[in-house]
């Protein structure tokens, strides 16, 4: 599959990022211009096969680039410019590491949008504050499922509960802000 034909969804990108091993591979790529699968596998303590699988998943989201050279494949923390939000997300994750943020904190924020329904909820709340019933009708999500998704969004600082209604909340963290912006744009 040609990389330029990919149009990865935000929720699938977030699922790829919600993995400490994949984040560790990204961290290794941030510290080097380019690394082979073998070098990345060694640095991460993985088999080459496992590292290759994880790297292909990250690459499929447009977050890193692969360059084949003979029988070797080299990866770099260089995004596919045709993939919406990839550049912003990669840059912010790089900044998160520079400021000492740990993988578990990054995972905390990206798991806000590991499901399309939570993106749909954010899009609806961008318009106005809404009650559970209004959100349920607008998103076609049952109230019990909606409550579960709202709880996740509240825990991730993306939504706030205002008495009988819910509203978008601007997260305090730049990663959360970028994810929310990607979800509602």
N, C-alpha and C. Protein backbone atom coordinates (compact mmCIF):
# COMPACT_ATOMS: atom_id res chain seq x y z
N UNK A 1 0.85 -1.17 0.00
CA UNK A 1 0.00 0.00 0.00
C UNK A 1 0.90 1.24 0.00
N UNK A 2 0.64 2.14 -0.88
CA UNK A 2 1.42 3.36 -0.99
C UNK A 2 1.05 4.31 0.14
N UNK A 3 2.08 4.85 0.82
CA UNK A 3 1.84 5.71 1.98
C UNK A 3 0.99 6.92 1.62
N UNK A 4 1.17 7.49 0.44
CA UNK A 4 0.42 8.70 0.12
C UNK A 4 -1.07 8.43 -0.06
N UNK A 5 -1.47 7.17 -0.19
CA UNK A 5 -2.89 6.84 -0.31
C UNK A 5 -3.56 6.62 1.04
N UNK A 6 -2.77 6.63 2.12
CA UNK A 6 -3.34 6.40 3.44
C UNK A 6 -4.09 7.63 3.93
N UNK A 7 -5.19 7.41 4.58
CA UNK A 7 -5.95 8.46 5.24
C UNK A 7 -6.33 7.94 6.62
N UNK A 8 -5.35 7.84 7.51
CA UNK A 8 -5.63 7.25 8.81
C UNK A 8 -6.60 8.09 9.63
N UNK A 9 -7.46 7.42 10.34
CA UNK A 9 -8.39 8.10 11.21
C UNK A 9 -7.72 8.46 12.53
N UNK A 10 -8.22 9.49 13.17
CA UNK A 10 -7.65 9.92 14.44
C UNK A 10 -7.76 8.82 15.49
N UNK A 11 -8.90 8.13 15.56
CA UNK A 11 -9.05 7.13 16.61
C UNK A 11 -8.08 5.97 16.43
N UNK A 12 -7.79 5.61 15.20
CA UNK A 12 -6.82 4.53 14.98
C UNK A 12 -5.40 5.00 15.29
N UNK A 13 -5.10 6.25 14.96
CA UNK A 13 -3.80 6.82 15.30
C UNK A 13 -3.62 6.83 16.82
N UNK A 14 -4.66 7.24 17.52
CA UNK A 14 -4.60 7.25 18.99
C UNK A 14 -4.41 5.85 19.55
N UNK A 15 -5.04 4.86 18.94
CA UNK A 15 -4.84 3.47 19.40
C UNK A 15 -3.40 3.03 19.21
N UNK A 16 -2.79 3.42 18.12
CA UNK A 16 -1.38 3.08 17.90
C UNK A 16 -0.51 3.75 18.95
N UNK A 17 -0.82 5.01 19.27
CA UNK A 17 -0.02 5.75 20.24
C UNK A 17 -0.28 5.31 21.69
N UNK A 18 -1.35 4.63 21.93
CA UNK A 18 -1.70 4.20 23.29
C UNK A 18 -0.99 2.90 23.66
N UNK A 19 0.27 2.80 23.29
CA UNK A 19 1.05 1.59 23.53
C UNK A 19 2.45 2.00 23.96
N UNK A 20 2.89 1.58 25.14
CA UNK A 20 4.20 2.02 25.63
C UNK A 20 5.38 1.54 24.77
N UNK A 21 5.25 0.40 24.12
CA UNK A 21 6.35 -0.08 23.28
C UNK A 21 6.46 0.78 22.03
N UNK A 22 5.33 1.10 21.41
CA UNK A 22 5.38 1.96 20.22
C UNK A 22 5.90 3.34 20.59
N UNK A 23 5.46 3.85 21.74
CA UNK A 23 5.97 5.15 22.18
C UNK A 23 7.47 5.09 22.45
N UNK A 24 7.94 3.98 23.00
CA UNK A 24 9.37 3.81 23.22
C UNK A 24 10.16 3.82 21.92
N UNK A 25 9.60 3.20 20.89
CA UNK A 25 10.25 3.22 19.57
C UNK A 25 10.30 4.65 19.02
N UNK A 26 9.20 5.38 19.20
CA UNK A 26 9.19 6.79 18.78
C UNK A 26 10.25 7.58 19.51
N UNK A 27 10.36 7.35 20.81
CA UNK A 27 11.36 8.06 21.62
C UNK A 27 12.76 7.78 21.09
N UNK A 28 13.02 6.54 20.73
CA UNK A 28 14.33 6.19 20.16
C UNK A 28 14.56 6.93 18.84
N UNK A 29 13.53 7.03 18.03
CA UNK A 29 13.67 7.73 16.75
C UNK A 29 13.89 9.23 16.96
N UNK A 30 13.34 9.79 18.03
CA UNK A 30 13.56 11.21 18.31
C UNK A 30 15.02 11.48 18.64
N UNK A 31 15.70 10.49 19.19
CA UNK A 31 17.09 10.69 19.61
C UNK A 31 18.09 10.43 18.49
N UNK A 32 17.64 9.99 17.33
CA UNK A 32 18.53 9.70 16.21
C UNK A 32 17.91 10.21 14.92
N UNK A 33 18.75 10.49 13.96
CA UNK A 33 18.25 10.96 12.66
C UNK A 33 17.49 9.85 11.95
N UNK A 34 18.05 8.66 11.98
CA UNK A 34 17.48 7.52 11.28
C UNK A 34 18.07 6.25 11.88
N UNK A 35 17.24 5.22 12.04
CA UNK A 35 17.73 3.96 12.60
C UNK A 35 17.15 2.79 11.82
N UNK A 36 17.92 1.72 11.73
CA UNK A 36 17.43 0.50 11.09
C UNK A 36 16.51 -0.23 12.06
N UNK A 37 15.74 -1.16 11.51
CA UNK A 37 14.88 -1.98 12.35
C UNK A 37 15.74 -2.74 13.36
N UNK A 38 16.88 -3.23 12.93
CA UNK A 38 17.77 -3.98 13.82
C UNK A 38 18.23 -3.11 14.99
N UNK A 39 18.65 -1.89 14.69
CA UNK A 39 19.12 -0.98 15.74
C UNK A 39 17.98 -0.62 16.69
N UNK A 40 16.81 -0.37 16.15
CA UNK A 40 15.66 -0.04 17.00
C UNK A 40 15.27 -1.23 17.87
N UNK A 41 15.28 -2.42 17.29
CA UNK A 41 14.93 -3.62 18.05
C UNK A 41 15.91 -3.81 19.21
N UNK A 42 17.19 -3.62 18.94
CA UNK A 42 18.22 -3.77 19.98
C UNK A 42 18.01 -2.74 21.08
N UNK A 43 17.81 -1.48 20.70
CA UNK A 43 17.62 -0.42 21.70
C UNK A 43 16.37 -0.64 22.55
N UNK A 44 15.32 -1.19 21.93
CA UNK A 44 14.06 -1.39 22.65
C UNK A 44 13.97 -2.75 23.33
N UNK A 45 14.94 -3.61 23.10
CA UNK A 45 14.90 -4.95 23.69
C UNK A 45 13.84 -5.83 23.08
N UNK A 46 13.63 -5.69 21.78
CA UNK A 46 12.61 -6.46 21.07
C UNK A 46 13.25 -7.32 20.00
N UNK A 47 12.52 -8.32 19.54
CA UNK A 47 12.99 -9.05 18.37
C UNK A 47 12.81 -8.15 17.15
N UNK A 48 13.56 -8.42 16.10
CA UNK A 48 13.41 -7.61 14.88
C UNK A 48 12.00 -7.73 14.31
N UNK A 49 11.43 -8.92 14.38
CA UNK A 49 10.09 -9.14 13.84
C UNK A 49 9.08 -8.28 14.60
N UNK A 50 9.16 -8.29 15.92
CA UNK A 50 8.22 -7.51 16.74
C UNK A 50 8.42 -6.01 16.49
N UNK A 51 9.67 -5.58 16.47
CA UNK A 51 9.95 -4.16 16.21
C UNK A 51 9.40 -3.76 14.85
N UNK A 52 9.59 -4.61 13.85
CA UNK A 52 9.08 -4.32 12.50
C UNK A 52 7.58 -4.17 12.47
N UNK A 53 6.88 -5.03 13.20
CA UNK A 53 5.41 -4.95 13.26
C UNK A 53 4.98 -3.63 13.89
N UNK A 54 5.59 -3.28 15.01
CA UNK A 54 5.25 -2.02 15.69
C UNK A 54 5.60 -0.81 14.83
N UNK A 55 6.74 -0.85 14.17
CA UNK A 55 7.17 0.28 13.33
C UNK A 55 6.24 0.46 12.12
N UNK A 56 5.80 -0.64 11.54
CA UNK A 56 4.86 -0.54 10.41
C UNK A 56 3.54 0.06 10.86
N UNK A 57 3.11 -0.26 12.07
CA UNK A 57 1.86 0.31 12.59
C UNK A 57 1.99 1.82 12.77
N UNK A 58 3.12 2.27 13.29
CA UNK A 58 3.34 3.71 13.47
C UNK A 58 3.45 4.39 12.11
N UNK A 59 4.15 3.76 11.19
CA UNK A 59 4.32 4.30 9.85
C UNK A 59 2.98 4.40 9.11
N UNK A 60 2.12 3.43 9.31
CA UNK A 60 0.80 3.43 8.66
C UNK A 60 -0.07 4.60 9.13
N UNK A 61 0.25 5.17 10.27
CA UNK A 61 -0.48 6.33 10.78
C UNK A 61 0.13 7.63 10.28
N UNK A 62 1.20 7.54 9.50
CA UNK A 62 1.85 8.72 8.94
C UNK A 62 2.79 9.43 9.90
N UNK A 63 3.13 8.77 11.03
CA UNK A 63 3.94 9.42 12.06
C UNK A 63 5.44 9.25 11.86
N UNK A 64 5.86 8.23 11.12
CA UNK A 64 7.28 8.03 10.82
C UNK A 64 7.40 7.62 9.37
N UNK A 65 8.61 7.73 8.85
CA UNK A 65 8.83 7.32 7.46
C UNK A 65 9.79 6.14 7.42
N UNK A 66 9.61 5.32 6.42
CA UNK A 66 10.46 4.15 6.20
C UNK A 66 11.23 4.35 4.90
N UNK A 67 12.51 3.97 4.94
CA UNK A 67 13.35 4.06 3.74
C UNK A 67 14.05 2.72 3.55
N UNK A 68 13.63 1.95 2.54
CA UNK A 68 14.31 0.68 2.29
C UNK A 68 15.66 0.93 1.61
N UNK A 69 16.63 0.13 2.02
CA UNK A 69 17.95 0.18 1.40
C UNK A 69 18.48 -1.25 1.36
N UNK A 70 18.39 -1.84 0.17
CA UNK A 70 18.76 -3.25 0.05
C UNK A 70 17.81 -4.10 0.88
N UNK A 71 18.39 -4.91 1.74
CA UNK A 71 17.55 -5.76 2.59
C UNK A 71 17.23 -5.10 3.93
N UNK A 72 17.67 -3.87 4.13
CA UNK A 72 17.44 -3.15 5.37
C UNK A 72 16.33 -2.12 5.20
N UNK A 73 15.68 -1.81 6.29
CA UNK A 73 14.70 -0.73 6.31
C UNK A 73 15.11 0.23 7.42
N UNK A 74 15.17 1.50 7.07
CA UNK A 74 15.54 2.54 8.03
C UNK A 74 14.32 3.41 8.30
N UNK A 75 14.13 3.76 9.56
CA UNK A 75 13.00 4.59 9.97
C UNK A 75 13.50 5.93 10.52
N UNK A 76 12.69 6.95 10.33
CA UNK A 76 12.99 8.28 10.85
C UNK A 76 11.70 8.91 11.36
N UNK A 77 11.84 9.77 12.35
CA UNK A 77 10.68 10.49 12.90
C UNK A 77 10.35 11.65 11.97
N UNK A 78 9.85 11.28 10.81
CA UNK A 78 9.48 12.25 9.77
C UNK A 78 8.08 11.87 9.30
N UNK A 79 7.15 12.80 9.41
CA UNK A 79 5.75 12.49 9.12
C UNK A 79 5.45 12.55 7.63
N UNK A 80 4.35 11.91 7.28
CA UNK A 80 3.81 12.03 5.94
C UNK A 80 2.97 13.30 5.93
N UNK A 81 3.35 14.31 5.13
CA UNK A 81 2.62 15.58 5.15
C UNK A 81 1.18 15.49 4.67
N UNK A 82 0.84 14.40 4.01
CA UNK A 82 -0.53 14.23 3.52
C UNK A 82 -1.48 13.68 4.59
N UNK A 83 -0.93 13.29 5.72
CA UNK A 83 -1.76 12.73 6.80
C UNK A 83 -2.11 13.85 7.78
N UNK A 84 -3.38 14.16 7.83
CA UNK A 84 -3.86 15.24 8.71
C UNK A 84 -3.43 15.00 10.14
N UNK A 85 -2.94 16.00 10.78
CA UNK A 85 -2.59 16.03 12.20
C UNK A 85 -1.32 15.25 12.56
N UNK A 86 -0.74 14.50 11.63
CA UNK A 86 0.44 13.70 11.98
C UNK A 86 1.60 14.59 12.42
N UNK A 87 1.86 15.66 11.68
CA UNK A 87 2.97 16.54 12.01
C UNK A 87 2.82 17.19 13.37
N UNK A 88 1.62 17.68 13.65
CA UNK A 88 1.35 18.33 14.93
C UNK A 88 1.49 17.33 16.07
N UNK A 89 0.89 16.15 15.91
CA UNK A 89 0.96 15.15 16.97
C UNK A 89 2.39 14.70 17.23
N UNK A 90 3.15 14.44 16.18
CA UNK A 90 4.52 13.99 16.37
C UNK A 90 5.35 15.07 17.05
N UNK A 91 5.17 16.30 16.63
CA UNK A 91 5.92 17.41 17.24
C UNK A 91 5.58 17.57 18.72
N UNK A 92 4.31 17.45 19.05
CA UNK A 92 3.91 17.61 20.45
C UNK A 92 4.39 16.43 21.30
N UNK A 93 4.35 15.23 20.75
CA UNK A 93 4.87 14.08 21.51
C UNK A 93 6.37 14.24 21.74
N UNK A 94 7.08 14.73 20.75
CA UNK A 94 8.51 15.00 20.91
C UNK A 94 8.72 16.01 22.05
N UNK A 95 7.91 17.07 22.05
CA UNK A 95 7.99 18.08 23.12
C UNK A 95 7.64 17.49 24.48
N UNK A 96 6.67 16.58 24.50
CA UNK A 96 6.30 15.91 25.76
C UNK A 96 7.50 15.20 26.36
N UNK A 97 8.23 14.49 25.53
CA UNK A 97 9.42 13.79 26.01
C UNK A 97 10.49 14.77 26.48
N UNK A 98 10.65 15.87 25.76
CA UNK A 98 11.65 16.87 26.15
C UNK A 98 11.34 17.46 27.52
N UNK A 99 10.06 17.57 27.84
CA UNK A 99 9.67 18.14 29.14
C UNK A 99 9.58 17.09 30.23
N UNK A 100 9.92 15.84 29.91
CA UNK A 100 9.95 14.79 30.93
C UNK A 100 8.66 14.02 31.09
N UNK A 101 7.71 14.20 30.19
CA UNK A 101 6.46 13.45 30.29
C UNK A 101 6.73 11.97 30.04
N UNK A 102 6.10 11.14 30.83
CA UNK A 102 6.27 9.69 30.72
C UNK A 102 5.24 9.10 29.75
N UNK A 103 5.52 7.88 29.29
CA UNK A 103 4.60 7.19 28.38
C UNK A 103 3.19 7.09 28.95
N UNK A 104 3.08 6.79 30.24
CA UNK A 104 1.74 6.63 30.83
C UNK A 104 0.93 7.92 30.77
N UNK A 105 1.60 9.07 30.85
CA UNK A 105 0.90 10.35 30.75
C UNK A 105 0.45 10.61 29.32
N UNK A 106 1.29 10.25 28.36
CA UNK A 106 0.91 10.40 26.95
C UNK A 106 -0.27 9.48 26.65
N UNK A 107 -0.18 8.25 27.13
CA UNK A 107 -1.27 7.29 26.91
C UNK A 107 -2.56 7.80 27.54
N UNK A 108 -2.46 8.44 28.71
CA UNK A 108 -3.64 9.00 29.37
C UNK A 108 -4.40 9.92 28.41
N UNK A 109 -3.69 10.79 27.73
CA UNK A 109 -4.36 11.74 26.83
C UNK A 109 -4.82 11.11 25.53
N UNK A 110 -3.99 10.27 24.91
CA UNK A 110 -4.39 9.72 23.61
C UNK A 110 -5.58 8.77 23.73
N UNK A 111 -5.76 8.15 24.89
CA UNK A 111 -6.90 7.24 25.04
C UNK A 111 -8.24 7.98 25.10
N UNK A 112 -8.21 9.29 25.16
CA UNK A 112 -9.46 10.04 25.08
C UNK A 112 -10.14 9.79 23.74
N UNK A 113 -9.35 9.60 22.70
CA UNK A 113 -9.91 9.48 21.36
C UNK A 113 -9.56 8.18 20.66
N UNK A 114 -9.53 7.09 21.40
CA UNK A 114 -9.29 5.77 20.81
C UNK A 114 -10.58 5.10 20.33
N UNK A 115 -11.64 5.86 20.28
CA UNK A 115 -12.93 5.35 19.80
C UNK A 115 -13.62 6.45 19.02
N UNK A 116 -14.17 6.11 17.87
CA UNK A 116 -14.84 7.09 17.02
C UNK A 116 -16.01 7.77 17.73
N UNK A 117 -16.68 7.06 18.61
CA UNK A 117 -17.82 7.67 19.32
C UNK A 117 -17.39 8.86 20.16
N UNK A 118 -16.20 8.80 20.76
CA UNK A 118 -15.75 9.93 21.57
C UNK A 118 -15.41 11.13 20.69
N UNK A 119 -14.95 10.88 19.49
CA UNK A 119 -14.71 11.96 18.53
C UNK A 119 -16.06 12.57 18.13
N UNK A 120 -17.06 11.73 17.91
CA UNK A 120 -18.40 12.21 17.56
C UNK A 120 -18.98 13.06 18.69
N UNK A 121 -18.77 12.65 19.92
CA UNK A 121 -19.26 13.42 21.08
C UNK A 121 -18.59 14.78 21.11
N UNK A 122 -17.28 14.81 20.94
CA UNK A 122 -16.56 16.09 20.95
C UNK A 122 -17.05 17.00 19.84
N UNK A 123 -17.30 16.44 18.67
CA UNK A 123 -17.79 17.24 17.55
C UNK A 123 -19.16 17.85 17.86
N UNK A 124 -20.02 17.09 18.51
CA UNK A 124 -21.34 17.62 18.88
C UNK A 124 -21.22 18.71 19.94
N UNK A 125 -20.35 18.48 20.91
CA UNK A 125 -20.19 19.46 21.99
C UNK A 125 -19.47 20.72 21.54
N UNK A 126 -18.84 20.66 20.38
CA UNK A 126 -18.21 21.86 19.83
C UNK A 126 -19.29 22.89 19.48
N UNK A 127 -20.46 22.41 19.12
CA UNK A 127 -21.56 23.28 18.73
C UNK A 127 -22.19 24.00 19.92
N UNK A 128 -22.42 23.23 21.00
CA UNK A 128 -23.08 23.80 22.19
C UNK A 128 -23.02 22.79 23.33
N UNK A 129 -23.34 23.23 24.53
CA UNK A 129 -23.47 22.29 25.65
C UNK A 129 -24.74 21.47 25.42
N UNK A 130 -24.72 20.24 25.89
CA UNK A 130 -25.85 19.35 25.64
C UNK A 130 -26.11 18.45 26.84
N UNK A 131 -27.36 18.03 26.98
CA UNK A 131 -27.72 17.04 27.98
C UNK A 131 -27.39 15.65 27.42
N UNK A 132 -27.46 14.65 28.27
CA UNK A 132 -27.23 13.28 27.83
C UNK A 132 -28.23 12.90 26.75
N UNK A 133 -29.48 13.26 26.93
CA UNK A 133 -30.49 12.88 25.94
C UNK A 133 -30.24 13.58 24.60
N UNK A 134 -29.86 14.85 24.64
CA UNK A 134 -29.56 15.57 23.40
C UNK A 134 -28.36 14.93 22.69
N UNK A 135 -27.33 14.61 23.47
CA UNK A 135 -26.15 13.96 22.90
C UNK A 135 -26.48 12.58 22.34
N UNK A 136 -27.32 11.85 23.06
CA UNK A 136 -27.71 10.52 22.62
C UNK A 136 -28.44 10.60 21.28
N UNK A 137 -29.34 11.54 21.16
CA UNK A 137 -30.07 11.71 19.89
C UNK A 137 -29.14 12.17 18.77
N UNK A 138 -28.26 13.10 19.06
CA UNK A 138 -27.37 13.65 18.04
C UNK A 138 -26.33 12.65 17.56
N UNK A 139 -25.86 11.79 18.46
CA UNK A 139 -24.79 10.85 18.12
C UNK A 139 -25.29 9.43 17.84
N UNK A 140 -26.54 9.16 18.16
CA UNK A 140 -27.11 7.81 18.03
C UNK A 140 -26.37 6.81 18.92
N UNK A 141 -25.91 7.28 20.08
CA UNK A 141 -25.25 6.42 21.07
C UNK A 141 -26.23 6.23 22.22
N UNK A 142 -26.41 4.99 22.66
CA UNK A 142 -27.34 4.73 23.76
C UNK A 142 -26.87 5.46 25.02
N UNK A 143 -27.80 5.88 25.88
CA UNK A 143 -27.39 6.57 27.11
C UNK A 143 -26.36 5.80 27.96
N UNK A 144 -26.51 4.48 28.16
CA UNK A 144 -25.48 3.79 28.96
C UNK A 144 -24.08 3.87 28.31
N UNK A 145 -24.01 3.65 27.01
CA UNK A 145 -22.72 3.74 26.32
C UNK A 145 -22.21 5.19 26.34
N UNK A 146 -23.10 6.12 26.18
CA UNK A 146 -22.74 7.53 26.20
C UNK A 146 -22.12 7.91 27.54
N UNK A 147 -22.70 7.43 28.62
CA UNK A 147 -22.15 7.71 29.96
C UNK A 147 -20.71 7.17 30.09
N UNK A 148 -20.47 5.98 29.55
CA UNK A 148 -19.11 5.42 29.61
C UNK A 148 -18.13 6.28 28.82
N UNK A 149 -18.53 6.72 27.62
CA UNK A 149 -17.65 7.55 26.80
C UNK A 149 -17.45 8.93 27.44
N UNK A 150 -18.50 9.49 28.00
CA UNK A 150 -18.38 10.79 28.68
C UNK A 150 -17.44 10.69 29.88
N UNK A 151 -17.53 9.60 30.61
CA UNK A 151 -16.63 9.42 31.76
C UNK A 151 -15.17 9.43 31.31
N UNK A 152 -14.88 8.73 30.23
CA UNK A 152 -13.51 8.70 29.70
C UNK A 152 -13.08 10.11 29.28
N UNK A 153 -13.95 10.83 28.59
CA UNK A 153 -13.61 12.18 28.14
C UNK A 153 -13.43 13.15 29.31
N UNK A 154 -14.23 12.98 30.35
CA UNK A 154 -14.08 13.82 31.55
C UNK A 154 -12.75 13.49 32.24
N UNK A 155 -12.45 12.20 32.39
CA UNK A 155 -11.19 11.78 33.03
C UNK A 155 -9.97 12.28 32.27
N UNK A 156 -10.12 12.49 30.96
CA UNK A 156 -9.00 12.93 30.12
C UNK A 156 -9.00 14.45 29.90
N UNK A 157 -9.83 15.17 30.65
CA UNK A 157 -9.91 16.64 30.60
C UNK A 157 -10.43 17.20 29.28
N UNK A 158 -11.21 16.44 28.55
CA UNK A 158 -11.73 16.89 27.26
C UNK A 158 -13.15 17.43 27.36
N UNK A 159 -13.87 16.99 28.39
CA UNK A 159 -15.27 17.36 28.59
C UNK A 159 -15.46 17.66 30.06
N UNK A 160 -16.39 18.56 30.34
CA UNK A 160 -16.75 18.82 31.73
C UNK A 160 -18.26 18.69 31.90
N UNK A 161 -18.65 18.26 33.09
CA UNK A 161 -20.05 18.09 33.45
C UNK A 161 -20.51 19.36 34.15
N UNK A 162 -21.52 20.00 33.60
CA UNK A 162 -22.02 21.27 34.14
C UNK A 162 -23.46 21.08 34.61
N UNK A 163 -23.64 20.41 35.72
CA UNK A 163 -25.00 20.14 36.20
C UNK A 163 -25.70 19.13 35.33
N UNK A 164 -26.64 19.59 34.51
CA UNK A 164 -27.39 18.68 33.64
C UNK A 164 -26.82 18.61 32.23
N UNK A 165 -25.82 19.42 31.94
CA UNK A 165 -25.26 19.42 30.59
C UNK A 165 -23.77 19.09 30.61
N UNK A 166 -23.26 18.86 29.41
CA UNK A 166 -21.85 18.58 29.20
C UNK A 166 -21.31 19.59 28.20
N UNK A 167 -20.04 19.94 28.37
CA UNK A 167 -19.41 20.91 27.47
C UNK A 167 -17.97 20.49 27.21
N UNK A 168 -17.43 20.96 26.09
CA UNK A 168 -16.01 20.74 25.84
C UNK A 168 -15.20 21.51 26.86
N UNK A 169 -14.04 20.97 27.18
CA UNK A 169 -13.12 21.61 28.12
C UNK A 169 -11.76 21.65 27.45
N UNK A 170 -11.09 22.77 27.53
CA UNK A 170 -9.75 22.86 26.97
C UNK A 170 -8.78 22.21 27.96
N UNK A 171 -8.10 21.13 27.55
CA UNK A 171 -7.17 20.46 28.46
C UNK A 171 -6.01 21.38 28.84
N UNK A 172 -5.43 21.12 30.00
CA UNK A 172 -4.32 21.94 30.48
C UNK A 172 -3.01 21.57 29.79
N UNK A 173 -2.95 20.41 29.16
CA UNK A 173 -1.74 19.89 28.55
C UNK A 173 -1.75 20.15 27.03
N UNK A 174 -0.61 20.57 26.44
CA UNK A 174 -0.57 20.81 24.99
C UNK A 174 -0.93 19.58 24.16
N UNK A 175 -0.58 18.38 24.63
CA UNK A 175 -0.95 17.17 23.90
C UNK A 175 -2.47 17.02 23.90
N UNK A 176 -3.09 17.20 25.06
CA UNK A 176 -4.55 17.13 25.12
C UNK A 176 -5.20 18.17 24.24
N UNK A 177 -4.64 19.38 24.21
CA UNK A 177 -5.18 20.44 23.37
C UNK A 177 -5.10 20.07 21.90
N UNK A 178 -3.95 19.52 21.47
CA UNK A 178 -3.78 19.13 20.07
C UNK A 178 -4.74 17.99 19.69
N UNK A 179 -4.91 17.04 20.59
CA UNK A 179 -5.83 15.93 20.32
C UNK A 179 -7.27 16.43 20.20
N UNK A 180 -7.66 17.31 21.10
CA UNK A 180 -9.02 17.85 21.04
C UNK A 180 -9.22 18.62 19.74
N UNK A 181 -8.24 19.43 19.36
CA UNK A 181 -8.34 20.19 18.12
C UNK A 181 -8.46 19.24 16.92
N UNK A 182 -7.67 18.17 16.93
CA UNK A 182 -7.75 17.19 15.84
C UNK A 182 -9.13 16.52 15.81
N UNK A 183 -9.70 16.28 16.97
CA UNK A 183 -11.00 15.61 17.04
C UNK A 183 -12.13 16.48 16.53
N UNK A 184 -12.05 17.77 16.75
CA UNK A 184 -13.19 18.64 16.37
C UNK A 184 -12.99 19.34 15.04
N UNK A 185 -11.83 19.14 14.40
CA UNK A 185 -11.63 19.81 13.11
C UNK A 185 -11.91 18.89 11.94
